[in-house]
Amino acid sequence: MATTTTNTAHLEQQVNQQRSEIARLKGRISTLSEDLGAIKRDIADFRRRVTDDMTALVENIQEERTRR
């Protein structure tokens, strides 16, 4: 009977440790998910800015050609 009690206590300890680890990992996943969303927004903003810059550059080149 003592072995059963010891095993049960040990299993309960393992379950509690795993519960704690799962909670920590869920928090980490949440943080990473938020970071990924921020990165996606940054990339979209970067692409938009590059597009705007390239458009302005092409327009300037075309204006210079028409002036000649």
PDB file of N, CA and C in Angstrom:
ATOM      1  N   MET A   1       0.823  -1.202   0.000  1.00  0.00           N
ATOM      2  CA  MET A   1       0.000   0.000   0.000  1.00  0.00           C
ATOM      3  C   MET A   1       0.859   1.256   0.000  1.00  0.00           C
ATOM      4  N   ALA A   2       1.987   1.217   0.697  1.00  0.00           N
ATOM      5  CA  ALA A   2       2.877   2.374   0.759  1.00  0.00           C
ATOM      6  C   ALA A   2       3.427   2.706  -0.618  1.00  0.00           C
ATOM      7  N   THR A   3       3.685   1.661  -1.408  1.00  0.00           N
ATOM      8  CA  THR A   3       4.195   1.869  -2.759  1.00  0.00           C
ATOM      9  C   THR A   3       3.149   2.568  -3.614  1.00  0.00           C
ATOM     10  N   THR A   4       1.900   2.182  -3.468  1.00  0.00           N
ATOM     11  CA  THR A   4       0.820   2.807  -4.227  1.00  0.00           C
ATOM     12  C   THR A   4       0.686   4.276  -3.860  1.00  0.00           C
ATOM     13  N   THR A   5       0.785   4.583  -2.584  1.00  0.00           N
ATOM     14  CA  THR A   5       0.697   5.970  -2.126  1.00  0.00           C
ATOM     15  C   THR A   5       1.866   6.775  -2.654  1.00  0.00           C
ATOM     16  N   THR A   6       3.047   6.183  -2.614  1.00  0.00           N
ATOM     17  CA  THR A   6       4.247   6.852  -3.119  1.00  0.00           C
ATOM     18  C   THR A   6       4.123   7.095  -4.617  1.00  0.00           C
ATOM     19  N   ASN A   7       3.681   6.083  -5.339  1.00  0.00           N
ATOM     20  CA  ASN A   7       3.505   6.223  -6.790  1.00  0.00           C
ATOM     21  C   ASN A   7       2.462   7.285  -7.108  1.00  0.00           C
ATOM     22  N   THR A   8       1.366   7.292  -6.369  1.00  0.00           N
ATOM     23  CA  THR A   8       0.316   8.287  -6.585  1.00  0.00           C
ATOM     24  C   THR A   8       0.843   9.692  -6.322  1.00  0.00           C
ATOM     25  N   ALA A   9       1.579   9.858  -5.243  1.00  0.00           N
ATOM     26  CA  ALA A   9       2.155  11.168  -4.912  1.00  0.00           C
ATOM     27  C   ALA A   9       3.131  11.604  -5.994  1.00  0.00           C
ATOM     28  N   HIS A  10       3.927  10.657  -6.458  1.00  0.00           N
ATOM     29  CA  HIS A  10       4.893  10.971  -7.512  1.00  0.00           C
ATOM     30  C   HIS A  10       4.167  11.373  -8.801  1.00  0.00           C
ATOM     31  N   LEU A  11       3.134  10.638  -9.157  1.00  0.00           N
ATOM     32  CA  LEU A  11       2.373  10.960 -10.363  1.00  0.00           C
ATOM     33  C   LEU A  11       1.685  12.320 -10.240  1.00  0.00           C
ATOM     34  N   GLU A  12       1.147  12.611  -9.056  1.00  0.00           N
ATOM     35  CA  GLU A  12       0.522  13.919  -8.841  1.00  0.00           C
ATOM     36  C   GLU A  12       1.541  15.044  -8.988  1.00  0.00           C
ATOM     37  N   GLN A  13       2.746  14.807  -8.494  1.00  0.00           N
ATOM     38  CA  GLN A  13       3.812  15.801  -8.632  1.00  0.00           C
ATOM     39  C   GLN A  13       4.152  16.003 -10.110  1.00  0.00           C
ATOM     40  N   GLN A  14       4.256  14.919 -10.849  1.00  0.00           N
ATOM     41  CA  GLN A  14       4.557  15.014 -12.281  1.00  0.00           C
ATOM     42  C   GLN A  14       3.453  15.763 -13.024  1.00  0.00           C
ATOM     43  N   VAL A  15       2.203  15.456 -12.689  1.00  0.00           N
ATOM     44  CA  VAL A  15       1.069  16.124 -13.333  1.00  0.00           C
ATOM     45  C   VAL A  15       1.118  17.622 -13.044  1.00  0.00           C
ATOM     46  N   ASN A  16       1.401  17.990 -11.806  1.00  0.00           N
ATOM     47  CA  ASN A  16       1.489  19.407 -11.451  1.00  0.00           C
ATOM     48  C   ASN A  16       2.633  20.100 -12.193  1.00  0.00           C
ATOM     49  N   GLN A  17       3.764  19.422 -12.303  1.00  0.00           N
ATOM     50  CA  GLN A  17       4.886  19.992 -13.047  1.00  0.00           C
ATOM     51  C   GLN A  17       4.536  20.157 -14.519  1.00  0.00           C
ATOM     52  N   GLN A  18       3.888  19.174 -15.071  1.00  0.00           N
ATOM     53  CA  GLN A  18       3.498  19.245 -16.479  1.00  0.00           C
ATOM     54  C   GLN A  18       2.451  20.333 -16.702  1.00  0.00           C
ATOM     55  N   ARG A  19       1.533  20.478 -15.766  1.00  0.00           N
ATOM     56  CA  ARG A  19       0.526  21.529 -15.857  1.00  0.00           C
ATOM     57  C   ARG A  19       1.208  22.905 -15.871  1.00  0.00           C
ATOM     58  N   SER A  20       2.185  23.052 -15.002  1.00  0.00           N
ATOM     59  CA  SER A  20       2.924  24.319 -14.940  1.00  0.00           C
ATOM     60  C   SER A  20       3.695  24.567 -16.235  1.00  0.00           C
ATOM     61  N   GLU A  21       4.329  23.532 -16.740  1.00  0.00           N
ATOM     62  CA  GLU A  21       5.096  23.651 -17.988  1.00  0.00           C
ATOM     63  C   GLU A  21       4.175  23.976 -19.166  1.00  0.00           C
ATOM     64  N   ILE A  22       3.023  23.363 -19.216  1.00  0.00           N
ATOM     65  CA  ILE A  22       2.050  23.626 -20.283  1.00  0.00           C
ATOM     66  C   ILE A  22       1.587  25.075 -20.228  1.00  0.00           C
ATOM     67  N   ALA A  23       1.325  25.575 -19.031  1.00  0.00           N
ATOM     68  CA  ALA A  23       0.903  26.973 -18.881  1.00  0.00           C
ATOM     69  C   ALA A  23       2.004  27.910 -19.358  1.00  0.00           C
ATOM     70  N   ARG A  24       3.247  27.600 -19.018  1.00  0.00           N
ATOM     71  CA  ARG A  24       4.378  28.426 -19.457  1.00  0.00           C
ATOM     72  C   ARG A  24       4.503  28.402 -20.977  1.00  0.00           C
ATOM     73  N   LEU A  25       4.360  27.221 -21.565  1.00  0.00           N
ATOM     74  CA  LEU A  25       4.479  27.096 -23.016  1.00  0.00           C
ATOM     75  C   LEU A  25       3.331  27.809 -23.740  1.00  0.00           C
ATOM     76  N   LYS A  26       2.137  27.750 -23.178  1.00  0.00           N
ATOM     77  CA  LYS A  26       1.009  28.477 -23.778  1.00  0.00           C
ATOM     78  C   LYS A  26       1.283  29.972 -23.781  1.00  0.00           C
ATOM     79  N   GLY A  27       1.854  30.475 -22.701  1.00  0.00           N
ATOM     80  CA  GLY A  27       2.214  31.890 -22.643  1.00  0.00           C
ATOM     81  C   GLY A  27       3.258  32.238 -23.690  1.00  0.00           C
ATOM     82  N   ARG A  28       4.234  31.365 -23.852  1.00  0.00           N
ATOM     83  CA  ARG A  28       5.286  31.597 -24.845  1.00  0.00           C
ATOM     84  C   ARG A  28       4.718  31.579 -26.258  1.00  0.00           C
ATOM     85  N   ILE A  29       3.816  30.634 -26.527  1.00  0.00           N
ATOM     86  CA  ILE A  29       3.179  30.565 -27.844  1.00  0.00           C
ATOM     87  C   ILE A  29       2.386  31.839 -28.115  1.00  0.00           C
ATOM     88  N   SER A  30       1.696  32.323 -27.120  1.00  0.00           N
ATOM     89  CA  SER A  30       0.925  33.554 -27.265  1.00  0.00           C
ATOM     90  C   SER A  30       1.844  34.727 -27.609  1.00  0.00           C
ATOM     91  N   THR A  31       2.962  34.822 -26.901  1.00  0.00           N
ATOM     92  CA  THR A  31       3.932  35.889 -27.168  1.00  0.00           C
ATOM     93  C   THR A  31       4.494  35.775 -28.581  1.00  0.00           C
ATOM     94  N   LEU A  32       4.853  34.575 -28.976  1.00  0.00           N
ATOM     95  CA  LEU A  32       5.401  34.370 -30.323  1.00  0.00           C
ATOM     96  C   LEU A  32       4.368  34.693 -31.394  1.00  0.00           C
ATOM     97  N   SER A  33       3.131  34.362 -31.139  1.00  0.00           N
ATOM     98  CA  SER A  33       2.060  34.673 -32.079  1.00  0.00           C
ATOM     99  C   SER A  33       1.902  36.180 -32.253  1.00  0.00           C
ATOM    100  N   GLU A  34       1.951  36.903 -31.147  1.00  0.00           N
ATOM    101  CA  GLU A  34       1.870  38.367 -31.214  1.00  0.00           C
ATOM    102  C   GLU A  34       3.076  38.941 -31.956  1.00  0.00           C
ATOM    103  N   ASP A  35       4.264  38.389 -31.682  1.00  0.00           N
ATOM    104  CA  ASP A  35       5.478  38.848 -32.369  1.00  0.00           C
ATOM    105  C   ASP A  35       5.387  38.600 -33.866  1.00  0.00           C
ATOM    106  N   LEU A  36       4.859  37.441 -34.240  1.00  0.00           N
ATOM    107  CA  LEU A  36       4.709  37.115 -35.659  1.00  0.00           C
ATOM    108  C   LEU A  36       3.758  38.086 -36.345  1.00  0.00           C
ATOM    109  N   GLY A  37       2.681  38.439 -35.664  1.00  0.00           N
ATOM    110  CA  GLY A  37       1.747  39.422 -36.224  1.00  0.00           C
ATOM    111  C   GLY A  37       2.418  40.761 -36.438  1.00  0.00           C
ATOM    112  N   ALA A  38       3.251  41.176 -35.478  1.00  0.00           N
ATOM    113  CA  ALA A  38       3.967  42.449 -35.607  1.00  0.00           C
ATOM    114  C   ALA A  38       4.958  42.387 -36.768  1.00  0.00           C
ATOM    115  N   ILE A  39       5.642  41.274 -36.918  1.00  0.00           N
ATOM    116  CA  ILE A  39       6.595  41.117 -38.020  1.00  0.00           C
ATOM    117  C   ILE A  39       5.873  41.174 -39.367  1.00  0.00           C
ATOM    118  N   LYS A  40       4.724  40.514 -39.452  1.00  0.00           N
ATOM    119  CA  LYS A  40       3.959  40.541 -40.710  1.00  0.00           C
ATOM    120  C   LYS A  40       3.530  41.966 -41.051  1.00  0.00           C
ATOM    121  N   ARG A  41       3.106  42.715 -40.039  1.00  0.00           N
ATOM    122  CA  ARG A  41       2.719  44.114 -40.288  1.00  0.00           C
ATOM    123  C   ARG A  41       3.928  44.939 -40.723  1.00  0.00           C
ATOM    124  N   ASP A  42       5.075  44.701 -40.090  1.00  0.00           N
ATOM    125  CA  ASP A  42       6.291  45.424 -40.468  1.00  0.00           C
ATOM    126  C   ASP A  42       6.702  45.117 -41.902  1.00  0.00           C
ATOM    127  N   ILE A  43       6.595  43.862 -42.302  1.00  0.00           N
ATOM    128  CA  ILE A  43       6.959  43.478 -43.672  1.00  0.00           C
ATOM    129  C   ILE A  43       6.007  44.123 -44.670  1.00  0.00           C
ATOM    130  N   ALA A  44       4.728  44.123 -44.366  1.00  0.00           N
ATOM    131  CA  ALA A  44       3.752  44.751 -45.264  1.00  0.00           C
ATOM    132  C   ALA A  44       4.028  46.245 -45.384  1.00  0.00           C
ATOM    133  N   ASP A  45       4.362  46.893 -44.274  1.00  0.00           N
ATOM    134  CA  ASP A  45       4.687  48.318 -44.292  1.00  0.00           C
ATOM    135  C   ASP A  45       5.958  48.567 -45.097  1.00  0.00           C
ATOM    136  N   PHE A  46       6.961  47.717 -44.908  1.00  0.00           N
ATOM    137  CA  PHE A  46       8.215  47.844 -45.659  1.00  0.00           C
ATOM    138  C   PHE A  46       7.953  47.712 -47.158  1.00  0.00           C
ATOM    139  N   ARG A  47       7.163  46.716 -47.546  1.00  0.00           N
ATOM    140  CA  ARG A  47       6.862  46.522 -48.971  1.00  0.00           C
ATOM    141  C   ARG A  47       6.139  47.733 -49.546  1.00  0.00           C
ATOM    142  N   ARG A  48       5.193  48.274 -48.780  1.00  0.00           N
ATOM    143  CA  ARG A  48       4.459  49.449 -49.249  1.00  0.00           C
ATOM    144  C   ARG A  48       5.403  50.619 -49.441  1.00  0.00           C
ATOM    145  N   ARG A  49       6.312  50.816 -48.502  1.00  0.00           N
ATOM    146  CA  ARG A  49       7.260  51.931 -48.609  1.00  0.00           C
ATOM    147  C   ARG A  49       8.216  51.754 -49.787  1.00  0.00           C
ATOM    148  N   VAL A  50       8.670  50.530 -50.000  1.00  0.00           N
ATOM    149  CA  VAL A  50       9.552  50.278 -51.149  1.00  0.00           C
ATOM    150  C   VAL A  50       8.794  50.533 -52.443  1.00  0.00           C
ATOM    151  N   THR A  51       7.556  50.086 -52.508  1.00  0.00           N
ATOM    152  CA  THR A  51       6.729  50.314 -53.697  1.00  0.00           C
ATOM    153  C   THR A  51       6.559  51.812 -53.941  1.00  0.00           C
ATOM    154  N   ASP A  52       6.257  52.551 -52.865  1.00  0.00           N
ATOM    155  CA  ASP A  52       6.101  54.007 -53.011  1.00  0.00           C
ATOM    156  C   ASP A  52       7.394  54.657 -53.487  1.00  0.00           C
ATOM    157  N   ASP A  53       8.522  54.232 -52.922  1.00  0.00           N
ATOM    158  CA  ASP A  53       9.818  54.792 -53.323  1.00  0.00           C
ATOM    159  C   ASP A  53      10.141  54.465 -54.781  1.00  0.00           C
ATOM    160  N   MET A  54       9.880  53.216 -55.187  1.00  0.00           N
ATOM    161  CA  MET A  54      10.168  52.828 -56.570  1.00  0.00           C
ATOM    162  C   MET A  54       9.264  53.579 -57.546  1.00  0.00           C
ATOM    163  N   THR A  55       8.010  53.763 -57.172  1.00  0.00           N
ATOM    164  CA  THR A  55       7.079  54.508 -58.016  1.00  0.00           C
ATOM    165  C   THR A  55       7.554  55.947 -58.178  1.00  0.00           C
ATOM    166  N   ALA A  56       7.961  56.572 -57.084  1.00  0.00           N
ATOM    167  CA  ALA A  56       8.455  57.952 -57.144  1.00  0.00           C
ATOM    168  C   ALA A  56       9.718  58.026 -57.991  1.00  0.00           C
ATOM    169  N   LEU A  57      10.592  57.053 -57.864  1.00  0.00           N
ATOM    170  CA  LEU A  57      11.829  57.031 -58.637  1.00  0.00           C
ATOM    171  C   LEU A  57      11.540  56.915 -60.134  1.00  0.00           C
ATOM    172  N   VAL A  58      10.648  56.013 -60.492  1.00  0.00           N
ATOM    173  CA  VAL A  58      10.299  55.830 -61.905  1.00  0.00           C
ATOM    174  C   VAL A  58       9.650  57.098 -62.450  1.00  0.00           C
ATOM    175  N   GLU A  59       8.769  57.709 -61.672  1.00  0.00           N
ATOM    176  CA  GLU A  59       8.125  58.950 -62.127  1.00  0.00           C
ATOM    177  C   GLU A  59       9.153  60.058 -62.327  1.00  0.00           C
ATOM    178  N   ASN A  60      10.118  60.159 -61.431  1.00  0.00           N
ATOM    179  CA  ASN A  60      11.166  61.170 -61.582  1.00  0.00           C
ATOM    180  C   ASN A  60      12.005  60.930 -62.824  1.00  0.00           C
ATOM    181  N   ILE A  61      12.313  59.678 -63.092  1.00  0.00           N
ATOM    182  CA  ILE A  61      13.092  59.347 -64.290  1.00  0.00           C
ATOM    183  C   ILE A  61      12.290  59.694 -65.540  1.00  0.00           C
ATOM    184  N   GLN A  62      11.005  59.378 -65.541  1.00  0.00           N
ATOM    185  CA  GLN A  62      10.164  59.690 -66.699  1.00  0.00           C
ATOM    186  C   GLN A  62      10.036  61.190 -66.895  1.00  0.00           C
ATOM    187  N   GLU A  63       9.930  61.949 -65.820  1.00  0.00           N
ATOM    188  CA  GLU A  63       9.857  63.414 -65.936  1.00  0.00           C
ATOM    189  C   GLU A  63      11.161  63.968 -66.501  1.00  0.00           C
ATOM    190  N   GLU A  64      12.276  63.422 -66.062  1.00  0.00           N
ATOM    191  CA  GLU A  64      13.565  63.889 -66.597  1.00  0.00           C
ATOM    192  C   GLU A  64      13.684  63.577 -68.084  1.00  0.00           C
ATOM    193  N   ARG A  65      13.203  62.468 -68.532  1.00  0.00           N
ATOM    194  CA  ARG A  65      13.267  62.109 -69.940  1.00  0.00           C
ATOM    195  C   ARG A  65      12.393  63.030 -70.788  1.00  0.00           C
ATOM    196  N   THR A  66      11.220  63.400 -70.255  1.00  0.00           N
ATOM    197  CA  THR A  66      10.334  64.269 -71.042  1.00  0.00           C
ATOM    198  C   THR A  66      10.875  65.688 -71.104  1.00  0.00           C
ATOM    199  N   ARG A  67      11.688  66.095 -70.176  1.00  0.00           N
ATOM    200  CA  ARG A  67      12.276  67.441 -70.178  1.00  0.00           C
ATOM    201  C   ARG A  67      13.372  67.565 -71.217  1.00  0.00           C
ATOM    202  N   ARG A  68      13.948  66.481 -71.602  1.00  0.00           N
ATOM    203  CA  ARG A  68      15.076  66.527 -72.550  1.00  0.00           C
ATOM    204  C   ARG A  68      14.624  66.642 -73.957  1.00  0.00           C
TER     205      ARG A  68
END
